[in-house]
């Protein structure tokens, strides 16, 4: 009897929005062919075997996501490919790694999203405030320095999370909703808390305190509606 296909569960790592002490780290699959290392105050990359393949040259370097790595140079953030070449120049005050083809960036005071070529596909329109208490799952991908969850505020909305199942969470006026990949509101802010979509469902807390699962169009799956 043939064996059923294996279900491979991705390794869960963390997302780091870097820059200006504003850091948020939801979980992401951060496996990659190269790994950041520091040598005499500069950062480069090694292979799994420990071979140095990108010479230390960056002020800070982070792990690869979708064949792009976030690096800091001269106090600005950009993205390199696996050859160490900048594919998105270091022109951002802050940024985060790629997920589902998009990465959060902050050119100045507001956050938007760029694609892998560096094209701004969701214009900067989100703001971030001071940091809140650290969460236990916010360790940096290379095991260093745990960071804090940001405290979000509306201007007009708080910065969204990374994309998962084609949607990103955002917060407005104290409630959470979801954006699609065009930056349009898919689910209006209405939840006291919200998780990322996984396999078509997201776990949310309704305003009456009840926990529920919803679909991207807002249909409540569990508990069922009366």
Protein backbone atom coordinates (compact mmCIF):
# COMPACT_ATOMS: atom_id res chain seq x y z
CA UNK A 1 0.00 0.00 0.00
CA UNK A 2 1.55 3.34 -0.97
CA UNK A 3 2.43 5.65 1.83
CA UNK A 4 0.44 8.90 2.05
CA UNK A 5 2.39 12.06 1.21
CA UNK A 6 4.13 13.63 4.14
CA UNK A 7 2.96 16.92 5.50
CA UNK A 8 5.93 19.14 6.09
CA UNK A 9 5.53 21.65 8.84
CA UNK A 10 7.63 24.80 8.30
CA UNK A 11 10.12 25.82 10.93
CA UNK A 12 8.73 28.78 12.80
CA UNK A 13 11.15 31.62 13.33
CA UNK A 14 10.58 35.32 13.93
CA UNK A 15 10.03 38.54 12.00
CA UNK A 16 12.09 41.56 12.97
CA UNK A 17 11.05 45.05 11.94
CA UNK A 18 14.36 46.81 12.29
CA UNK A 19 15.30 50.41 12.81
CA UNK A 20 14.90 53.29 15.23
CA UNK A 21 14.22 50.89 18.12
CA UNK A 22 10.89 49.96 16.58
CA UNK A 23 10.77 46.20 16.34
CA UNK A 24 7.98 43.70 15.83
CA UNK A 25 8.58 39.99 15.37
CA UNK A 26 5.67 37.75 14.36
CA UNK A 27 6.61 34.20 13.46
CA UNK A 28 7.94 33.45 9.97
CA UNK A 29 9.71 30.64 8.19
CA UNK A 30 13.23 32.07 8.31
CA UNK A 31 15.19 29.14 6.95
CA UNK A 32 17.68 30.17 4.30
CA UNK A 33 20.92 29.17 2.59
CA UNK A 34 23.03 31.83 4.30
CA UNK A 35 23.35 33.01 7.88
CA UNK A 36 24.44 36.40 9.30
CA UNK A 37 27.68 36.60 11.29
CA UNK A 38 29.55 39.49 12.88
CA UNK A 39 33.30 40.01 12.54
CA UNK A 40 35.10 43.00 14.03
CA UNK A 41 31.95 45.09 14.12
CA UNK A 42 30.79 44.33 10.56
CA UNK A 43 28.31 41.76 9.34
CA UNK A 44 28.49 39.22 6.52
CA UNK A 45 27.10 35.76 5.75
CA UNK A 46 28.22 32.15 6.03
CA UNK A 47 26.89 28.89 4.59
CA UNK A 48 25.59 26.03 6.72
CA UNK A 49 29.10 24.59 6.55
CA UNK A 50 30.59 27.76 8.01
CA UNK A 51 32.17 29.12 4.82
CA UNK A 52 32.24 32.92 4.62
CA UNK A 53 30.58 33.77 1.28
CA UNK A 54 29.57 37.43 1.77
CA UNK A 55 32.39 39.42 3.32
CA UNK A 56 31.56 41.43 6.46
CA UNK A 57 30.60 44.89 5.23
CA UNK A 58 27.24 45.79 6.76
CA UNK A 59 26.46 47.63 9.99
CA UNK A 60 23.86 44.92 10.73
CA UNK A 61 22.55 41.91 8.84
CA UNK A 62 19.48 39.72 9.28
CA UNK A 63 18.44 36.31 7.99
CA UNK A 64 17.19 35.60 4.49
CA UNK A 65 13.48 35.45 3.76
CA UNK A 66 12.38 34.64 0.21
CA UNK A 67 15.97 35.06 -1.08
CA UNK A 68 16.18 38.59 0.30
CA UNK A 69 18.02 39.67 3.45
CA UNK A 70 17.47 42.91 5.31
CA UNK A 71 20.72 44.75 6.07
CA UNK A 72 21.65 48.11 7.57
CA UNK A 73 24.31 50.32 6.07
CA UNK A 74 25.07 53.91 7.09
CA UNK A 75 21.98 53.93 9.30
CA UNK A 76 19.62 53.03 6.44
CA UNK A 77 18.00 49.71 5.58
CA UNK A 78 17.89 47.84 2.27
CA UNK A 79 17.81 44.29 0.91
CA UNK A 80 20.48 42.09 -0.66
CA UNK A 81 20.30 38.87 -2.64
CA UNK A 82 22.33 35.74 -1.93
CA UNK A 83 25.32 37.14 -3.83
CA UNK A 84 25.49 40.08 -1.42
CA UNK A 85 24.33 42.57 -4.08
CA UNK A 86 21.82 45.23 -3.11
CA UNK A 87 18.56 44.57 -4.96
CA UNK A 88 16.80 47.28 -2.95
CA UNK A 89 19.20 50.10 -1.99
CA UNK A 90 19.64 51.04 1.69
CA UNK A 91 17.27 53.99 1.63
CA UNK A 92 14.79 53.21 4.42
CA UNK A 93 14.76 54.42 8.02
CA UNK A 94 13.33 51.04 9.05
CA UNK A 95 12.16 47.82 7.39
CA UNK A 96 11.19 44.20 7.95
CA UNK A 97 11.75 40.93 6.06
CA UNK A 98 9.73 39.61 3.13
CA UNK A 99 6.64 37.47 3.50
CA UNK A 100 4.49 36.35 0.57
CA UNK A 101 6.41 38.66 -1.75
CA UNK A 102 6.04 41.87 0.28
CA UNK A 103 8.17 43.59 2.92
CA UNK A 104 7.26 46.44 5.29
CA UNK A 105 9.41 49.56 4.89
CA UNK A 106 9.46 53.01 6.46
CA UNK A 107 11.00 55.70 4.24
CA UNK A 108 10.37 58.43 6.82
CA UNK A 109 7.61 58.48 9.41
CA UNK A 110 5.08 56.13 7.81
CA UNK A 111 5.16 52.44 6.85
CA UNK A 112 4.24 50.85 3.52
CA UNK A 113 5.10 47.66 1.59
CA UNK A 114 7.52 46.98 -1.28
CA UNK A 115 7.74 43.97 -3.57
CA UNK A 116 10.92 42.00 -4.27
CA UNK A 117 12.02 44.48 -6.93
CA UNK A 118 11.66 47.41 -4.54
CA UNK A 119 8.46 48.79 -6.06
CA UNK A 120 6.20 50.40 -3.44
CA UNK A 121 2.94 48.47 -3.83
CA UNK A 122 1.21 49.73 -0.68
CA UNK A 123 2.01 53.39 -0.14
CA UNK A 124 3.38 54.52 3.25
CA UNK A 125 0.37 55.34 5.43
CA UNK A 126 0.91 53.61 8.77
CA UNK A 127 2.56 54.94 11.91
CA UNK A 128 4.17 53.24 14.91
CA UNK A 129 4.39 54.51 18.49
CA UNK A 130 6.41 53.46 21.54
CA UNK A 131 7.08 49.85 22.46
CA UNK A 132 5.01 47.81 24.85
CA UNK A 133 5.99 44.88 27.07
CA UNK A 134 8.17 42.18 25.49
CA UNK A 135 6.54 38.91 24.53
CA UNK A 136 8.19 35.52 25.22
CA UNK A 137 8.34 34.62 21.49
CA UNK A 138 10.20 37.73 20.29
CA UNK A 139 13.79 36.47 20.24
CA UNK A 140 15.85 37.60 17.27
CA UNK A 141 16.24 34.97 14.49
CA UNK A 142 19.92 34.45 15.32
CA UNK A 143 19.12 33.97 19.00
CA UNK A 144 20.16 37.41 20.23
CA UNK A 145 18.41 40.25 22.01
CA UNK A 146 14.71 39.68 22.62
CA UNK A 147 12.63 42.64 21.46
CA UNK A 148 9.35 44.17 22.49
CA UNK A 149 5.99 44.17 20.81
CA UNK A 150 5.20 47.65 19.46
CA UNK A 151 2.36 49.69 20.86
CA UNK A 152 0.30 50.71 17.85
CA UNK A 153 -1.72 53.86 17.28
CA UNK A 154 -3.90 55.21 14.50
CA UNK A 155 -2.43 57.67 11.97
CA UNK A 156 -4.77 56.91 10.27
CA UNK A 157 -4.09 53.29 11.19
CA UNK A 158 -1.35 51.42 12.98
CA UNK A 159 1.22 49.48 10.92
CA UNK A 160 0.03 46.10 9.67
CA UNK A 161 1.71 42.81 10.44
CA UNK A 162 3.42 40.74 7.76
CA UNK A 163 1.22 38.97 5.20
CA UNK A 164 -0.02 35.47 5.91
CA UNK A 165 -2.51 33.68 3.63
CA UNK A 166 -2.64 36.92 1.58
CA UNK A 167 -3.85 39.09 4.49
CA UNK A 168 -2.17 41.31 7.06
CA UNK A 169 -3.56 42.44 10.41
CA UNK A 170 -3.85 46.13 11.26
CA UNK A 171 -5.21 48.11 14.17
CA UNK A 172 -7.40 51.21 14.09
CA UNK A 173 -9.06 53.00 16.98
CA UNK A 174 -8.33 50.11 19.32
CA UNK A 175 -9.70 47.35 17.10
CA UNK A 176 -8.09 44.91 14.66
CA UNK A 177 -8.97 44.23 11.04
CA UNK A 178 -7.28 42.83 7.92
CA UNK A 179 -5.77 44.27 4.73
CA UNK A 180 -5.42 42.49 1.41
CA UNK A 181 -2.28 42.64 -0.75
CA UNK A 182 -3.47 45.77 -2.54
CA UNK A 183 -3.70 47.61 0.76
CA UNK A 184 -7.51 47.58 0.71
CA UNK A 185 -9.47 46.78 3.86
CA UNK A 186 -10.69 43.20 3.61
CA UNK A 187 -12.19 43.05 7.12
CA UNK A 188 -12.96 46.31 8.88
CA UNK A 189 -11.43 46.81 12.36
CA UNK A 190 -13.89 45.16 14.74
CA UNK A 191 -11.93 42.67 16.86
CA UNK A 192 -10.36 43.22 20.27
CA UNK A 193 -7.49 40.95 19.20
CA UNK A 194 -6.67 39.02 16.05
CA UNK A 195 -4.20 36.39 14.86
CA UNK A 196 -2.84 35.88 11.36
CA UNK A 197 -4.77 33.84 8.83
CA UNK A 198 -3.58 30.23 8.56
CA UNK A 199 -5.17 27.77 6.15
CA UNK A 200 -8.10 30.11 5.55
CA UNK A 201 -9.03 30.88 9.16
CA UNK A 202 -7.99 33.46 11.77
CA UNK A 203 -8.63 33.32 15.51
CA UNK A 204 -10.09 36.59 16.79
CA UNK A 205 -11.55 38.02 19.97
CA UNK A 206 -14.96 39.58 19.51
CA UNK A 207 -15.93 42.74 21.34
CA UNK A 208 -18.04 40.70 23.78
CA UNK A 209 -14.87 38.86 24.82
CA UNK A 210 -15.72 35.66 22.99
CA UNK A 211 -13.02 33.91 20.91
CA UNK A 212 -13.96 32.83 17.41
CA UNK A 213 -12.58 31.67 14.05
CA UNK A 214 -13.43 33.76 10.99
CA UNK A 215 -12.85 33.50 7.25
CA UNK A 216 -11.38 36.34 5.14
CA UNK A 217 -14.91 37.52 4.27
CA UNK A 218 -15.82 37.72 7.97
CA UNK A 219 -17.92 34.56 8.23
CA UNK A 220 -17.75 33.13 11.74
CA UNK A 221 -16.89 29.42 11.60
CA UNK A 222 -16.64 28.66 15.30
CA UNK A 223 -18.50 29.04 17.52
CA UNK A 224 -21.37 28.92 15.04
CA UNK A 225 -23.77 31.84 14.92
CA UNK A 226 -27.28 31.21 16.16
